[in-house]
Amino acid sequence: MRSNTGQRTDETETVIARLRPHTNYSAVVRARNKQYRGPASNKIEFETPEGIPSVVSSLRVVTVGAHSILVQWEPRNVPTASSAATSTFTNDRNDTEETYVLHRQHHYLHERAAADSPYK
């Protein structure tokens, strides 16, 4: 077999890059030369592991009344199938509340905010 550089190789493995996370794939292998293709191997099926989630984008925060904060965001570029995101609200007195948001949600309404208190 010849590589992309034209040199003869006897490769027994290769790396397939840029597969999507948490996706089902199947593959067959064939030997070939300039004139012929050999028979296909048995089909193998595999699932890529869940990837590292990307950062949320287009984060928007809106106050809704005196005690509520609405947080909205766009879906992540690298979705996760089963993990939740964490939203943390800390006011100027360092009172912190942390909540889990399901991966398919794109908003969270925090309804226990202290009135007239800045949050981060």
Protein backbone atom coordinates (compact mmCIF):
# COMPACT_ATOMS: atom_id res chain seq x y z
CA MET A 1 0.00 0.00 0.00
CA ARG A 2 1.24 3.51 -0.69
CA SER A 3 0.73 6.49 1.58
CA ASN A 4 -0.35 9.94 0.44
CA THR A 5 3.33 10.73 -0.13
CA GLY A 6 3.69 7.82 -2.57
CA GLN A 7 5.87 5.73 -0.27
CA ARG A 8 5.08 2.06 0.28
CA THR A 9 3.52 1.32 3.67
CA ASP A 10 2.07 -1.71 5.39
CA GLU A 11 -0.41 0.06 7.61
CA THR A 12 -2.50 -1.97 10.00
CA GLU A 13 -4.26 0.92 11.71
CA THR A 14 -5.27 4.51 11.15
CA VAL A 15 -6.92 7.32 13.11
CA ILE A 16 -10.17 8.81 11.90
CA ALA A 17 -10.41 12.38 13.15
CA ARG A 18 -13.28 14.84 13.54
CA LEU A 19 -16.00 12.42 14.59
CA ARG A 20 -18.96 13.99 16.35
CA PRO A 21 -19.34 13.27 20.06
CA HIS A 22 -22.12 10.98 21.31
CA THR A 23 -22.83 9.64 17.81
CA ASN A 24 -23.34 6.10 16.46
CA TYR A 25 -21.01 5.07 13.61
CA SER A 26 -20.36 1.93 11.58
CA ALA A 27 -17.31 1.06 9.47
CA VAL A 28 -15.94 -1.58 7.12
CA VAL A 29 -12.36 -2.00 5.92
CA ARG A 30 -11.17 -2.98 2.43
CA ALA A 31 -7.74 -3.54 0.97
CA ARG A 32 -7.26 -2.04 -2.46
CA ASN A 33 -4.70 -1.31 -5.13
CA LYS A 34 -4.81 0.63 -8.40
CA GLN A 35 -7.00 -1.98 -10.14
CA TYR A 36 -8.99 -3.86 -7.50
CA ARG A 37 -10.88 -3.55 -4.26
CA GLY A 38 -10.84 -6.45 -1.87
CA PRO A 39 -13.88 -7.74 -0.02
CA ALA A 40 -15.26 -5.73 2.86
CA SER A 41 -14.52 -6.77 6.42
CA ASN A 42 -17.29 -7.43 8.88
CA LYS A 43 -19.07 -4.21 9.77
CA ILE A 44 -18.19 -2.83 13.17
CA GLU A 45 -20.47 -0.45 15.03
CA PHE A 46 -19.38 1.95 17.74
CA GLU A 47 -20.51 5.04 19.59
CA THR A 48 -18.23 7.97 20.28
CA PRO A 49 -18.17 9.13 23.90
CA GLU A 50 -19.92 12.25 25.06
CA GLY A 51 -17.74 15.26 24.38
CA ILE A 52 -16.71 18.14 26.59
CA PRO A 53 -19.51 20.70 26.38
CA SER A 54 -18.73 24.02 24.80
CA VAL A 55 -19.33 27.36 26.47
CA VAL A 56 -22.85 28.72 26.20
CA SER A 57 -23.19 31.62 23.81
CA SER A 58 -25.39 34.70 23.65
CA LEU A 59 -25.98 34.77 27.40
CA ARG A 60 -28.73 37.24 28.32
CA VAL A 61 -29.87 38.23 31.80
CA VAL A 62 -33.13 40.09 32.48
CA THR A 63 -34.68 41.12 35.78
CA VAL A 64 -38.31 40.05 36.09
CA GLY A 65 -39.89 41.87 39.01
CA ALA A 66 -38.16 42.57 42.33
CA HIS A 67 -37.17 38.97 43.17
CA SER A 68 -36.64 37.16 39.83
CA ILE A 69 -33.80 36.93 37.31
CA LEU A 70 -34.29 35.29 33.91
CA VAL A 71 -31.16 33.86 32.29
CA GLN A 72 -31.32 32.81 28.61
CA TRP A 73 -28.69 31.34 26.27
CA GLU A 74 -28.29 29.76 22.84
CA PRO A 75 -27.73 26.00 22.48
CA ARG A 76 -24.12 24.90 22.85
CA ASN A 77 -22.05 24.05 19.77
CA VAL A 78 -21.01 20.74 21.35
CA PRO A 79 -24.13 19.34 22.93
CA THR A 80 -24.11 16.87 25.77
CA ALA A 81 -26.60 14.08 25.99
CA SER A 82 -26.99 13.48 29.67
CA SER A 83 -25.23 16.06 31.77
CA ALA A 84 -26.74 19.15 33.31
CA ALA A 85 -25.36 22.64 33.38
CA THR A 86 -24.83 24.57 36.59
CA SER A 87 -26.12 28.09 37.16
CA THR A 88 -24.67 29.97 40.12
CA PHE A 89 -26.11 33.21 41.50
CA THR A 90 -24.06 35.25 44.01
CA ASN A 91 -25.24 38.56 45.44
CA ASP A 92 -23.18 41.40 46.96
CA ARG A 93 -23.39 39.73 50.43
CA ASN A 94 -21.78 36.59 48.94
CA ASP A 95 -25.00 34.61 49.39
CA THR A 96 -24.69 31.92 46.73
CA GLU A 97 -27.33 29.68 45.21
CA GLU A 98 -26.42 27.00 42.72
CA THR A 99 -28.90 25.07 40.60
CA TYR A 100 -28.71 22.40 37.92
CA VAL A 101 -30.29 23.02 34.53
CA LEU A 102 -31.08 20.16 32.17
CA HIS A 103 -28.99 20.01 29.00
CA ARG A 104 -32.00 20.63 26.76
CA GLN A 105 -33.05 23.83 28.54
CA HIS A 106 -32.02 27.22 27.19
CA HIS A 107 -33.26 29.36 30.07
CA TYR A 108 -33.59 29.43 33.84
CA LEU A 109 -35.76 31.63 36.04
CA HIS A 110 -34.17 32.34 39.42
CA GLU A 111 -37.12 33.35 41.61
CA ARG A 112 -35.45 33.87 44.99
CA ALA A 113 -33.29 36.90 44.32
CA ALA A 114 -32.85 39.50 47.04
CA ALA A 115 -34.53 42.76 46.09
CA ASP A 116 -32.28 45.69 45.14
CA SER A 117 -29.14 43.53 45.28
CA PRO A 118 -26.58 43.17 42.47
CA TYR A 119 -25.79 39.61 41.31
CA LYS A 120 -22.98 37.96 39.49
